Structures are given as structure tokens and as C-alpha cells.
C-alpha atoms as a PDB file:
ATOM      1  CA  MET A   1     168.413 142.670 -19.091  1.00  0.00           C
ATOM      2  CA  ALA A   2     165.823 139.868 -19.072  1.00  0.00           C
ATOM      3  CA  ALA A   3     168.422 137.190 -18.243  1.00  0.00           C
ATOM      4  CA  ALA A   4     169.969 139.242 -15.433  1.00  0.00           C
ATOM      5  CA  PHE A   5     166.592 139.991 -13.910  1.00  0.00           C
ATOM      6  CA  ALA A   6     165.525 136.357 -14.153  1.00  0.00           C
ATOM      7  CA  ALA A   7     168.638 135.268 -12.251  1.00  0.00           C
ATOM      8  CA  ALA A   8     168.054 137.858  -9.513  1.00  0.00           C
ATOM      9  CA  LEU A   9     164.374 136.970  -9.246  1.00  0.00           C
ATOM     10  CA  LEU A  10     165.005 133.243  -8.971  1.00  0.00           C
ATOM     11  CA  ALA A  11     167.696 133.818  -6.355  1.00  0.00           C
ATOM     12  CA  ALA A  12     165.305 135.927  -4.284  1.00  0.00           C
ATOM     13  CA  CYS A  13     162.442 133.436  -4.571  1.00  0.00           C
ATOM     14  CA  THR A  14     164.516 130.310  -3.841  1.00  0.00           C
ATOM     15  CA  THR A  15     165.200 129.537  -0.193  1.00  0.00           C
ATOM     16  CA  THR A  16     166.879 126.627   1.609  1.00  0.00           C
ATOM     17  CA  THR A  17     165.532 125.386   4.928  1.00  0.00           C
ATOM     18  CA  THR A  18     167.195 123.146   7.514  1.00  0.00           C
ATOM     19  CA  THR A  19     165.184 120.899   9.840  1.00  0.00           C
ATOM     20  CA  THR A  20     166.608 119.793  13.191  1.00  0.00           C
ATOM     21  CA  THR A  21     165.148 116.665  14.871  1.00  0.00           C
ATOM     22  CA  LEU A  22     165.514 116.195  18.621  1.00  0.00           C
ATOM     23  CA  THR A  23     166.274 112.563  19.678  1.00  0.00           C
ATOM     24  CA  PRO A  24     165.014 111.397  23.090  1.00  0.00           C
ATOM     25  CA  PRO A  25     167.633 109.989  25.524  1.00  0.00           C
ATOM     26  CA  GLY A  26     168.349 106.290  24.953  1.00  0.00           C
ATOM     27  CA  ALA A  27     166.825 106.232  21.498  1.00  0.00           C
ATOM     28  CA  THR A  28     168.715 104.777  18.575  1.00  0.00           C
ATOM     29  CA  VAL A  29     170.088 107.426  16.297  1.00  0.00           C
ATOM     30  CA  THR A  30     169.909 106.665  12.611  1.00  0.00           C
ATOM     31  CA  ALA A  31     172.149 108.656  10.347  1.00  0.00           C
ATOM     32  CA  PRO A  32     170.088 110.734   7.951  1.00  0.00           C
ATOM     33  CA  SER A  33     170.173 109.754   4.348  1.00  0.00           C
ATOM     34  CA  THR A  34     171.989 112.117   2.054  1.00  0.00           C
ATOM     35  CA  SER A  35     170.597 113.412  -1.171  1.00  0.00           C
ATOM     36  CA  PRO A  36     172.221 115.453  -3.880  1.00  0.00           C
ATOM     37  CA  ALA A  37     172.054 119.199  -3.541  1.00  0.00           C
ATOM     38  CA  PRO A  38     169.167 120.716  -5.453  1.00  0.00           C
ATOM     39  CA  THR A  39     169.918 122.186  -8.801  1.00  0.00           C
ATOM     40  CA  ALA A  40     169.067 125.743  -9.747  1.00  0.00           C
ATOM     41  CA  ALA A  41     165.350 126.408  -9.520  1.00  0.00           C
ATOM     42  CA  THR A  42     163.328 126.515 -12.682  1.00  0.00           C
ATOM     43  CA  PRO A  43     160.214 128.675 -13.010  1.00  0.00           C
ATOM     44  CA  ALA A  44     156.919 126.915 -13.560  1.00  0.00           C
ATOM     45  CA  GLY A  45     155.751 126.591 -17.138  1.00  0.00           C
ATOM     46  CA  PRO A  46     152.703 128.515 -18.365  1.00  0.00           C
ATOM     47  CA  LYS A  47     149.305 127.153 -17.257  1.00  0.00           C
ATOM     48  CA  GLY A  48     147.250 129.874 -18.894  1.00  0.00           C
ATOM     49  CA  PRO A  49     147.426 133.587 -19.594  1.00  0.00           C
ATOM     50  CA  LEU A  50     149.868 135.608 -17.508  1.00  0.00           C
ATOM     51  CA  THR A  51     147.717 137.597 -15.075  1.00  0.00           C
ATOM     52  CA  ILE A  52     148.676 141.202 -14.273  1.00  0.00           C
ATOM     53  CA  LEU A  53     146.848 143.602 -11.968  1.00  0.00           C
ATOM     54  CA  SER A  54     147.882 147.208 -12.526  1.00  0.00           C
ATOM     55  CA  ALA A  55     147.182 150.685 -11.246  1.00  0.00           C
ATOM     56  CA  GLY A  56     145.130 152.685 -13.748  1.00  0.00           C
ATOM     57  CA  ALA A  57     147.510 155.630 -13.987  1.00  0.00           C
ATOM     58  CA  VAL A  58     149.997 153.609 -16.050  1.00  0.00           C
ATOM     59  CA  GLU A  59     147.327 152.030 -18.277  1.00  0.00           C
ATOM     60  CA  PRO A  60     148.431 153.636 -21.579  1.00  0.00           C
ATOM     61  CA  GLY A  61     152.008 152.465 -21.167  1.00  0.00           C
ATOM     62  CA  MET A  62     151.119 149.010 -19.878  1.00  0.00           C
ATOM     63  CA  ARG A  63     148.686 148.286 -22.695  1.00  0.00           C
ATOM     64  CA  ALA A  64     151.406 149.086 -25.220  1.00  0.00           C
ATOM     65  CA  VAL A  65     154.007 147.007 -23.373  1.00  0.00           C
ATOM     66  CA  VAL A  66     151.664 144.026 -23.010  1.00  0.00           C
ATOM     67  CA  ALA A  67     150.731 144.129 -26.707  1.00  0.00           C
ATOM     68  CA  ALA A  68     154.422 144.092 -27.679  1.00  0.00           C
ATOM     69  CA  PHE A  69     155.146 141.282 -25.204  1.00  0.00           C
ATOM     70  CA  GLU A  70     152.354 139.135 -26.631  1.00  0.00           C
ATOM     71  CA  ARG A  71     153.620 139.698 -30.191  1.00  0.00           C
ATOM     72  CA  ASN A  72     157.224 138.937 -29.295  1.00  0.00           C
ATOM     73  CA  SER A  73     156.660 135.951 -27.004  1.00  0.00           C
ATOM     74  CA  GLY A  74     153.531 134.337 -28.378  1.00  0.00           C
ATOM     75  CA  LEU A  75     152.175 134.261 -24.800  1.00  0.00           C
ATOM     76  CA  GLN A  76     148.833 135.643 -23.658  1.00  0.00           C
ATOM     77  CA  VAL A  77     148.339 138.221 -20.921  1.00  0.00           C
ATOM     78  CA  ALA A  78     145.191 138.978 -18.911  1.00  0.00           C
ATOM     79  CA  LEU A  79     145.631 142.624 -17.865  1.00  0.00           C
ATOM     80  CA  THR A  80     143.233 144.284 -15.419  1.00  0.00           C
ATOM     81  CA  PHE A  81     143.280 147.624 -13.622  1.00  0.00           C
ATOM     82  CA  ALA A  82     142.320 148.881 -10.178  1.00  0.00           C
ATOM     83  CA  ALA A  83     142.726 152.060  -8.143  1.00  0.00           C
ATOM     84  CA  ALA A  84     145.408 152.279  -5.461  1.00  0.00           C
ATOM     85  CA  PRO A  85     143.033 151.740  -2.491  1.00  0.00           C
ATOM     86  CA  GLN A  86     141.751 148.520  -4.094  1.00  0.00           C
ATOM     87  CA  LEU A  87     145.318 147.404  -4.836  1.00  0.00           C
ATOM     88  CA  ARG A  88     146.285 148.051  -1.221  1.00  0.00           C
ATOM     89  CA  GLN A  89     143.278 146.117   0.079  1.00  0.00           C
ATOM     90  CA  ARG A  90     143.729 143.156  -2.259  1.00  0.00           C
ATOM     91  CA  LEU A  91     147.424 142.865  -1.425  1.00  0.00           C
ATOM     92  CA  ALA A  92     146.623 142.909   2.290  1.00  0.00           C
ATOM     93  CA  GLU A  93     143.954 140.229   1.840  1.00  0.00           C
ATOM     94  CA  GLY A  94     146.064 138.114  -0.495  1.00  0.00           C
ATOM     95  CA  SER A  95     143.271 138.315  -3.071  1.00  0.00           C
ATOM     96  CA  THR A  96     145.017 139.902  -6.042  1.00  0.00           C
ATOM     97  CA  ASN A  97     144.493 136.779  -8.200  1.00  0.00           C
ATOM     98  CA  ALA A  98     147.396 137.963 -10.328  1.00  0.00           C
ATOM     99  CA  GLU A  99     150.979 136.817 -10.838  1.00  0.00           C
ATOM    100  CA  ILE A 100     152.260 140.379 -11.160  1.00  0.00           C
ATOM    101  CA  VAL A 101     151.056 143.547  -9.462  1.00  0.00           C
ATOM    102  CA  ILE A 102     151.901 147.047 -10.664  1.00  0.00           C
ATOM    103  CA  ALA A 103     151.282 149.663  -8.005  1.00  0.00           C
ATOM    104  CA  PRO A 104     152.627 152.877  -6.487  1.00  0.00           C
ATOM    105  CA  ARG A 105     155.903 152.245  -4.676  1.00  0.00           C
ATOM    106  CA  ALA A 106     154.328 153.418  -1.412  1.00  0.00           C
ATOM    107  CA  VAL A 107     151.643 150.721  -1.665  1.00  0.00           C
ATOM    108  CA  LEU A 108     154.235 148.001  -2.317  1.00  0.00           C
ATOM    109  CA  ASP A 109     156.409 149.305   0.528  1.00  0.00           C
ATOM    110  CA  GLU A 110     153.446 149.134   2.934  1.00  0.00           C
ATOM    111  CA  HIS A 111     152.683 145.577   1.867  1.00  0.00           C
ATOM    112  CA  ALA A 112     156.316 144.489   2.229  1.00  0.00           C
ATOM    113  CA  ALA A 113     156.520 146.015   5.716  1.00  0.00           C
ATOM    114  CA  ALA A 114     153.336 144.223   6.761  1.00  0.00           C
ATOM    115  CA  GLN A 115     154.853 140.843   5.887  1.00  0.00           C
ATOM    116  CA  ARG A 116     157.324 141.146   8.781  1.00  0.00           C
ATOM    117  CA  SER A 117     159.763 138.812   7.092  1.00  0.00           C
ATOM    118  CA  ALA A 118     163.518 138.946   7.586  1.00  0.00           C
ATOM    119  CA  ALA A 119     164.029 137.672   4.057  1.00  0.00           C
ATOM    120  CA  PRO A 120     164.220 140.305   1.327  1.00  0.00           C
ATOM    121  CA  GLY A 121     161.247 140.455  -0.997  1.00  0.00           C
ATOM    122  CA  PRO A 122     161.459 139.736  -4.719  1.00  0.00           C
ATOM    123  CA  PRO A 123     163.135 142.397  -6.861  1.00  0.00           C
ATOM    124  CA  ARG A 124     160.913 145.054  -8.383  1.00  0.00           C
ATOM    125  CA  VAL A 125     160.957 146.612 -11.815  1.00  0.00           C
ATOM    126  CA  THR A 126     160.537 150.388 -11.815  1.00  0.00           C
ATOM    127  CA  ILE A 127     158.174 151.486 -14.562  1.00  0.00           C
ATOM    128  CA  GLY A 128     158.285 155.251 -14.109  1.00  0.00           C
ATOM    129  CA  SER A 129     156.471 158.182 -12.562  1.00  0.00           C
ATOM    130  CA  VAL A 130     153.248 159.966 -13.440  1.00  0.00           C
ATOM    131  CA  GLY A 131     152.445 163.580 -12.613  1.00  0.00           C
ATOM    132  CA  VAL A 132     149.111 165.313 -11.981  1.00  0.00           C
ATOM    133  CA  GLY A 133     147.304 167.485 -14.507  1.00  0.00           C
ATOM    134  CA  VAL A 134     144.275 169.749 -14.713  1.00  0.00           C
ATOM    135  CA  ALA A 135     141.558 168.972 -17.254  1.00  0.00           C
ATOM    136  CA  VAL A 136     138.300 170.537 -18.413  1.00  0.00           C
ATOM    137  CA  ARG A 137     135.467 169.625 -20.741  1.00  0.00           C
ATOM    138  CA  GLU A 138     136.474 169.991 -24.382  1.00  0.00           C
ATOM    139  CA  GLY A 139     135.254 173.332 -25.697  1.00  0.00           C
ATOM    140  CA  ALA A 140     135.207 174.991 -22.272  1.00  0.00           C
ATOM    141  CA  PRO A 141     137.594 177.895 -21.613  1.00  0.00           C
ATOM    142  CA  LEU A 142     141.021 176.663 -20.541  1.00  0.00           C
ATOM    143  CA  PRO A 143     141.873 177.997 -17.075  1.00  0.00           C
ATOM    144  CA  ASP A 144     145.327 179.356 -16.345  1.00  0.00           C
ATOM    145  CA  VAL A 145     147.101 176.879 -14.061  1.00  0.00           C
ATOM    146  CA  SER A 146     150.659 177.924 -14.845  1.00  0.00           C
ATOM    147  CA  SER A 147     151.375 179.198 -11.336  1.00  0.00           C
ATOM    148  CA  LEU A 148     150.201 178.359  -7.852  1.00  0.00           C
ATOM    149  CA  ALA A 149     148.223 181.596  -7.569  1.00  0.00           C
ATOM    150  CA  ALA A 150     146.575 180.977 -10.954  1.00  0.00           C
ATOM    151  CA  LEU A 151     145.679 177.410  -9.970  1.00  0.00           C
ATOM    152  CA  GLN A 152     144.046 178.616  -6.770  1.00  0.00           C
ATOM    153  CA  ARG A 153     141.989 181.206  -8.651  1.00  0.00           C
ATOM    154  CA  ALA A 154     140.888 178.594 -11.190  1.00  0.00           C
ATOM    155  CA  LEU A 155     139.789 176.152  -8.507  1.00  0.00           C
ATOM    156  CA  LEU A 156     137.827 178.780  -6.611  1.00  0.00           C
ATOM    157  CA  ALA A 157     136.118 179.934  -9.837  1.00  0.00           C
ATOM    158  CA  ALA A 158     135.141 176.416 -10.935  1.00  0.00           C
ATOM    159  CA  ASP A 159     131.573 175.151 -10.725  1.00  0.00           C
ATOM    160  CA  ARG A 160     132.810 171.712  -9.676  1.00  0.00           C
ATOM    161  CA  VAL A 161     136.178 170.225  -8.766  1.00  0.00           C
ATOM    162  CA  VAL A 162     136.416 166.541  -9.628  1.00  0.00           C
ATOM    163  CA  TYR A 163     139.103 164.066  -8.585  1.00  0.00           C
ATOM    164  CA  ASN A 164     139.313 160.396  -7.706  1.00  0.00           C
ATOM    165  CA  ARG A 165     139.752 158.218  -4.628  1.00  0.00           C
ATOM    166  CA  ALA A 166     142.890 156.568  -6.012  1.00  0.00           C
ATOM    167  CA  SER A 167     146.504 157.572  -5.342  1.00  0.00           C
ATOM    168  CA  THR A 168     146.176 160.767  -7.419  1.00  0.00           C
ATOM    169  CA  GLY A 169     143.057 161.811  -5.552  1.00  0.00           C
ATOM    170  CA  GLU A 170     144.668 161.104  -2.204  1.00  0.00           C
ATOM    171  CA  TYR A 171     147.444 163.515  -3.111  1.00  0.00           C
ATOM    172  CA  VAL A 172     145.020 166.160  -4.468  1.00  0.00           C
ATOM    173  CA  ASP A 173     142.957 165.991  -1.280  1.00  0.00           C
ATOM    174  CA  ALA A 174     146.060 166.520   0.856  1.00  0.00           C
ATOM    175  CA  MET A 175     147.205 169.349  -1.425  1.00  0.00           C
ATOM    176  CA  LEU A 176     143.894 171.211  -1.077  1.00  0.00           C
ATOM    177  CA  GLN A 177     144.088 170.830   2.690  1.00  0.00           C
ATOM    178  CA  ARG A 178     147.644 172.162   2.668  1.00  0.00           C
ATOM    179  CA  LEU A 179     146.672 175.160   0.532  1.00  0.00           C
ATOM    180  CA  GLY A 180     143.727 175.987   2.791  1.00  0.00           C
ATOM    181  CA  LEU A 181     141.201 175.458  -0.025  1.00  0.00           C
ATOM    182  CA  ALA A 182     139.429 172.334   1.197  1.00  0.00           C
ATOM    183  CA  GLY A 183     136.760 174.217   3.145  1.00  0.00           C
ATOM    184  CA  ALA A 184     135.986 176.666   0.337  1.00  0.00           C
ATOM    185  CA  LEU A 185     135.728 173.846  -2.214  1.00  0.00           C
ATOM    186  CA  GLN A 186     133.900 171.315  -0.064  1.00  0.00           C
ATOM    187  CA  GLN A 187     130.394 171.991  -1.397  1.00  0.00           C
ATOM    188  CA  LYS A 188     131.464 171.715  -5.035  1.00  0.00           C
ATOM    189  CA  THR A 189     133.925 168.834  -4.782  1.00  0.00           C
ATOM    190  CA  LEU A 190     133.030 165.539  -6.433  1.00  0.00           C
ATOM    191  CA  ARG A 191     135.052 162.427  -5.561  1.00  0.00           C
ATOM    192  CA  VAL A 192     134.744 159.468  -7.930  1.00  0.00           C
ATOM    193  CA  ALA A 193     136.211 155.981  -8.037  1.00  0.00           C
ATOM    194  CA  ASP A 194     139.046 156.315 -10.534  1.00  0.00           C
ATOM    195  CA  GLY A 195     140.642 158.401 -13.264  1.00  0.00           C
ATOM    196  CA  ALA A 196     138.257 157.206 -15.961  1.00  0.00           C
ATOM    197  CA  ALA A 197     135.296 158.341 -13.857  1.00  0.00           C
ATOM    198  CA  VAL A 198     136.878 161.808 -13.516  1.00  0.00           C
ATOM    199  CA  MET A 199     137.097 162.135 -17.287  1.00  0.00           C
ATOM    200  CA  GLN A 200     133.543 160.858 -17.765  1.00  0.00           C
ATOM    201  CA  ALA A 201     132.240 163.398 -15.247  1.00  0.00           C
ATOM    202  CA  LEU A 202     133.975 166.207 -17.149  1.00  0.00           C
ATOM    203  CA  ARG A 203     132.541 165.049 -20.478  1.00  0.00           C
ATOM    204  CA  ALA A 204     129.042 164.869 -19.010  1.00  0.00           C
ATOM    205  CA  GLY A 205     129.232 168.337 -17.440  1.00  0.00           C
ATOM    206  CA  ASN A 206     128.089 171.613 -18.960  1.00  0.00           C
ATOM    207  CA  GLY A 207     129.659 174.228 -16.742  1.00  0.00           C
ATOM    208  CA  ARG A 208     133.094 175.343 -15.611  1.00  0.00           C
ATOM    209  CA  ASP A 209     134.128 172.023 -14.133  1.00  0.00           C
ATOM    210  CA  ILE A 210     137.762 171.261 -13.355  1.00  0.00           C
ATOM    211  CA  GLY A 211     139.142 167.759 -13.079  1.00  0.00           C
ATOM    212  CA  LEU A 212     142.441 166.760 -11.527  1.00  0.00           C
ATOM    213  CA  GLY A 213     143.987 163.466 -12.521  1.00  0.00           C
ATOM    214  CA  ALA A 214     147.033 161.602 -13.732  1.00  0.00           C
ATOM    215  CA  LEU A 215     148.484 163.172 -16.872  1.00  0.00           C
ATOM    216  CA  THR A 216     148.450 159.774 -18.575  1.00  0.00           C
ATOM    217  CA  GLU A 217     144.726 159.339 -17.960  1.00  0.00           C
ATOM    218  CA  ILE A 218     143.944 162.838 -19.221  1.00  0.00           C
ATOM    219  CA  ALA A 219     145.925 162.039 -22.366  1.00  0.00           C
ATOM    220  CA  LEU A 220     143.689 159.021 -23.021  1.00  0.00           C
ATOM    221  CA  TYR A 221     140.642 161.296 -23.283  1.00  0.00           C
ATOM    222  CA  ARG A 222     142.139 164.270 -25.125  1.00  0.00           C
ATOM    223  CA  GLY A 223     140.084 164.882 -28.248  1.00  0.00           C
ATOM    224  CA  GLN A 224     137.311 162.710 -26.807  1.00  0.00           C
ATOM    225  CA  GLY A 225     135.466 165.320 -24.773  1.00  0.00           C
ATOM    226  CA  VAL A 226     138.337 166.334 -22.469  1.00  0.00           C
ATOM    227  CA  ALA A 227     141.048 168.978 -22.830  1.00  0.00           C
ATOM    228  CA  LEU A 228     144.262 169.387 -20.857  1.00  0.00           C
ATOM    229  CA  ALA A 229     144.633 172.787 -19.190  1.00  0.00           C
ATOM    230  CA  GLY A 230     148.141 171.902 -18.041  1.00  0.00           C
ATOM    231  CA  PRO A 231     150.135 170.088 -15.381  1.00  0.00           C
ATOM    232  CA  LEU A 232     150.056 171.243 -11.793  1.00  0.00           C
ATOM    233  CA  PRO A 233     152.567 174.049 -11.243  1.00  0.00           C
ATOM    234  CA  PRO A 234     155.972 172.943  -9.959  1.00  0.00           C
ATOM    235  CA  GLU A 235     155.311 174.144  -6.400  1.00  0.00           C
ATOM    236  CA  VAL A 236     152.596 171.506  -5.922  1.00  0.00           C
ATOM    237  CA  GLN A 237     153.363 168.927  -8.603  1.00  0.00           C
ATOM    238  CA  ASN A 238     153.540 165.342  -7.438  1.00  0.00           C
ATOM    239  CA  ALA A 239     154.995 162.403  -9.341  1.00  0.00           C
ATOM    240  CA  THR A 240     153.894 158.943  -8.220  1.00  0.00           C
ATOM    241  CA  LEU A 241     156.453 156.206  -8.890  1.00  0.00           C
ATOM    242  CA  TYR A 242     155.067 152.872 -10.104  1.00  0.00           C
ATOM    243  CA  GLN A 243     156.761 149.494  -9.794  1.00  0.00           C
ATOM    244  CA  ALA A 244     156.010 145.905 -10.799  1.00  0.00           C
ATOM    245  CA  VAL A 245     156.549 142.898  -8.556  1.00  0.00           C
ATOM    246  CA  PRO A 246     155.643 139.197  -8.648  1.00  0.00           C
ATOM    247  CA  THR A 247     153.075 138.064  -6.106  1.00  0.00           C
ATOM    248  CA  GLY A 248     152.522 134.818  -4.248  1.00  0.00           C
ATOM    249  CA  VAL A 249     154.867 132.357  -2.603  1.00  0.00           C
ATOM    250  CA  GLY A 250     157.507 130.346  -4.415  1.00  0.00           C
ATOM    251  CA  LEU A 251     158.783 130.620  -7.942  1.00  0.00           C
ATOM    252  CA  PRO A 252     156.962 132.776 -10.473  1.00  0.00           C
ATOM    253  CA  SER A 253     155.999 131.306 -13.811  1.00  0.00           C
ATOM    254  CA  GLU A 254     158.264 131.429 -16.849  1.00  0.00           C
ATOM    255  CA  ALA A 255     155.913 133.989 -18.380  1.00  0.00           C
ATOM    256  CA  ALA A 256     156.118 136.239 -15.309  1.00  0.00           C
ATOM    257  CA  VAL A 257     159.920 136.087 -15.235  1.00  0.00           C
ATOM    258  CA  LEU A 258     160.111 136.823 -18.965  1.00  0.00           C
ATOM    259  CA  PHE A 259     157.657 139.720 -18.756  1.00  0.00           C
ATOM    260  CA  LEU A 260     159.359 141.366 -15.784  1.00  0.00           C
ATOM    261  CA  GLY A 261     162.746 140.995 -17.442  1.00  0.00           C
ATOM    262  CA  GLN A 262     161.536 142.623 -20.645  1.00  0.00           C
ATOM    263  CA  LEU A 263     159.638 145.342 -18.757  1.00  0.00           C
ATOM    264  CA  GLY A 264     162.951 146.973 -17.860  1.00  0.00           C
ATOM    265  CA  GLY A 265     164.346 146.640 -21.380  1.00  0.00           C
ATOM    266  CA  ALA A 266     164.858 149.383 -23.941  1.00  0.00           C
ATOM    267  CA  GLN A 267     161.803 148.545 -26.067  1.00  0.00           C
ATOM    268  CA  SER A 268     159.396 148.559 -23.127  1.00  0.00           C
ATOM    269  CA  GLN A 269     160.909 151.715 -21.670  1.00  0.00           C
ATOM    270  CA  ALA A 270     160.473 153.495 -25.025  1.00  0.00           C
ATOM    271  CA  LEU A 271     156.798 152.477 -25.135  1.00  0.00           C
ATOM    272  CA  ILE A 272     156.323 153.649 -21.556  1.00  0.00           C
ATOM    273  CA  ARG A 273     157.888 157.046 -22.295  1.00  0.00           C
ATOM    274  CA  ALA A 274     155.728 157.419 -25.414  1.00  0.00           C
ATOM    275  CA  ALA A 275     152.660 157.039 -23.178  1.00  0.00           C
ATOM    276  CA  GLY A 276     153.710 160.052 -21.096  1.00  0.00           C
ATOM    277  CA  ILE A 277     155.259 158.156 -18.195  1.00  0.00           C
ATOM    278  CA  GLU A 278     158.584 159.537 -17.006  1.00  0.00           C
ATOM    279  CA  THR A 279     161.129 156.738 -16.880  1.00  0.00           C
ATOM    280  CA  LEU A 280     164.450 156.606 -15.070  1.00  0.00           C
ATOM    281  CA  ARG A 281     167.073 156.937 -17.788  1.00  0.00           C
END
């Protein structure tokens, strides 16, 4: 898997350009010198830790995958996280400061479309999808969210409804609008920066607060002040697909090629599934 991906990635990142020189009338034409055809491109060697910028919803899986990669390869990885709006902005500005970005497919699609290039972009590695869950403060009564009607009753009965401004929160906001609940919940809705802030707000509360967030992020806080009431019912469930892609122009580093190749392998996929991320089998 790693070797096949490396070959595809290098092929996508290697381009050949032809320059045509116009000679004025009457000028002496000198035959261009010939040089041997370039050999297959070789990724750049490591100059420091491999830098990865990832969406927070896949944090549990990515931390496990990175730890295994570091053990197996002997290479170091600098892994940081950001919410989808920040990922979108940093990609647009070219300020990711990372060799690999892991983001919702929609964010990567938007960025690729904005490049307006006829050449295909580098291949992506699909990590998996993450659904949305409902959480409460540990020790608080668990609301029934098993059906759409039950979810609506629980939201209307809550003291506060907390969700983030990242990709999960964008979906939740649209869902509440679609269900006609946004107006009724407006005065008790709290929007925070990311999934971790949702969980912290629940832990700090003392009433019937409900938080909506990525199931993976809720799992990180289970037993630490947060309890899972359940996933969103099927009628309104949403699974965000996350993918990894190299950034920048030219060839990625050896470490980036190796990591992306192993990310789609059986060991990494098993670690990702164990973290609650649904992979494509």
C-alpha cells in the first residue's frame, strides 16, 4: 500500500514543462543543447519533524496512528489540530505551515476548486467518517434521543444547547434551522470554538445542558465529566468524511510520502476504527 501510494503521489507531483523561444528574423539560430531525460523524482529527505495539521474530530485516531508511525519509522511528527473554519482559512491563505493537512472532504474540495488548475491535485488518503452525538454532564439525567421526536423534546427541555463553530457545529446549526427549532433555542444556545470547548462547557455546567459534537470527541471525555446520551437519530445523522493530503508545491518529503502511504494500511485503519471513526472497508 505504501509503495503504491508513493508512486501515485510522486507521479502527481512531478510535472514536465517545455519552453519555446522566439527567434527574431535574421538572427542566428543555435541548436539547443541536449541533456539526458530526468530520472524518476525522489522525495526530499527529512529536515525536521513531519508537520501535520488536522481537524479535531479525528484527533483520537490520528494520535494513535502518529504514535505507531513514530515507533515504526523512527521519525518524529509534530501534530496540531484546528477547527474546520480555521483549516479552510489557512488553506486559502497558504499559511498551514504543515506538510500534510487532514480536513473534511468538503474543505479540501473547496480549496482544490479555488486553485483553478487544469492539473489534477495530489492523491488523497481517506481516513474515515465521524458522526454526531448528544452529550450531557456526567451524573445528569440522560435524555432520550433515540428518535427525531425525542431529540426535539430533549433540545426544547434543555437549559442550554452547546455546539461548536467547526464542521460539526455548522451541520448542527443547519439541522436546527431545518427542524424549525433555531428560533426557540436561540436564547439558550451557546456556540464555542471547537469540540473540546463543548465538552468543557458541559463539565462546568450544573443544569440540564445538552452538547452536540463529534462522537469521537465525546468519547475522549466519557468518564471525565461527560456522558454520551447517544448518536443523533438516523433521520438527521450526518457523517463527515475526512481525508489527508500533502500541501505545498513540488515533491513532498520522504516522511510525508511514507506517512500517507501507511495511513491507508491495515494497521492504521485498525487504529482509526478503534477510535470510533468509520472507515471504508
